[in-house]
Protein backbone atom coordinates (compact mmCIF):
# COMPACT_ATOMS: atom_id res chain seq x y z
CA MET A 1 -17.79 -13.60 -0.93
CA ILE A 2 -14.85 -14.07 -3.28
CA ASP A 3 -12.40 -13.86 -0.47
CA LEU A 4 -14.27 -16.58 1.41
CA ALA A 5 -14.36 -18.88 -1.56
CA THR A 6 -10.74 -18.28 -2.34
CA THR A 7 -9.65 -18.82 1.19
CA LEU A 8 -11.64 -22.09 1.44
CA SER A 9 -10.20 -23.31 -1.79
CA PHE A 10 -6.60 -22.69 -0.75
CA LEU A 11 -7.15 -24.37 2.63
CA THR A 12 -8.98 -27.38 1.28
CA ALA A 13 -6.61 -28.12 -1.58
CA PRO A 14 -3.74 -29.76 0.39
CA ILE A 15 -6.32 -31.72 2.41
CA LEU A 16 -7.95 -32.98 -0.59
CA ALA A 17 -4.70 -33.92 -2.20
CA TYR A 18 -3.62 -35.89 0.69
CA ILE A 19 -6.79 -37.77 0.87
CA ASN A 20 -6.26 -38.62 -2.80
CA TYR A 21 -2.78 -39.75 -2.32
CA ARG A 22 -3.78 -41.91 0.61
CA LEU A 23 -6.54 -43.49 -1.62
CA VAL A 24 -4.31 -44.13 -4.58
CA THR A 25 -1.50 -45.76 -2.31
CA ALA A 26 -3.83 -47.88 -0.21
CA GLN A 27 -3.47 -51.52 0.15
CA HIS A 28 -6.80 -52.34 -1.60
CA MET A 29 -5.43 -50.59 -4.88
CA PRO A 30 -3.94 -53.26 -7.28
CA ASP A 31 -0.16 -52.97 -7.51
CA ASP A 32 -0.24 -52.33 -11.27
CA CYS A 33 -2.50 -49.32 -10.61
CA LYS A 34 -0.35 -47.65 -7.88
CA PRO A 35 1.93 -44.89 -8.86
CA SER A 36 5.59 -45.32 -9.22
CA THR A 37 8.19 -44.06 -6.82
CA TRP A 38 8.91 -40.81 -8.86
CA MET A 39 5.15 -40.12 -9.04
CA ARG A 40 4.89 -40.45 -5.24
CA TRP A 41 7.90 -37.90 -4.83
CA LEU A 42 5.96 -35.65 -7.26
CA SER A 43 2.73 -36.08 -5.38
CA TRP A 44 4.48 -35.20 -2.01
CA SER A 45 6.13 -32.13 -3.46
CA GLY A 46 2.82 -30.99 -4.75
CA ILE A 47 1.13 -31.43 -1.42
CA ILE A 48 3.95 -29.57 0.22
CA PHE A 49 3.71 -26.77 -2.36
CA LEU A 50 -0.14 -26.45 -1.87
CA THR A 51 0.28 -26.39 1.84
CA ALA A 52 3.06 -23.71 1.69
CA PHE A 53 0.94 -21.70 -0.81
CA ALA A 54 -2.09 -21.96 1.52
CA LEU A 55 -0.06 -20.73 4.57
CA VAL A 56 1.43 -17.84 2.44
CA TYR A 57 -2.02 -16.81 1.19
CA VAL A 58 -3.49 -16.80 4.81
CA TYR A 59 -0.58 -14.88 6.16
CA TRP A 60 -0.98 -12.43 3.15
CA GLN A 61 -4.81 -12.15 3.95
CA ILE A 62 -4.12 -11.43 7.66
CA GLN A 63 -1.47 -8.72 6.87
CA PHE A 64 -3.62 -6.80 4.33
């Protein structure tokens, strides 16, 4: 049960992060509330990190 919950958490984290990024940077968001350029780069690096970590975790689960 714990393996299932952990796997689902790692797999959904990058998806939820991307949905959140799209929501915050959408056209309907006022310009003064949108994140700055460095915050967008930080967001993308976080999404890439979450995706890489999820892939490594799935690989690790398959191997052992």
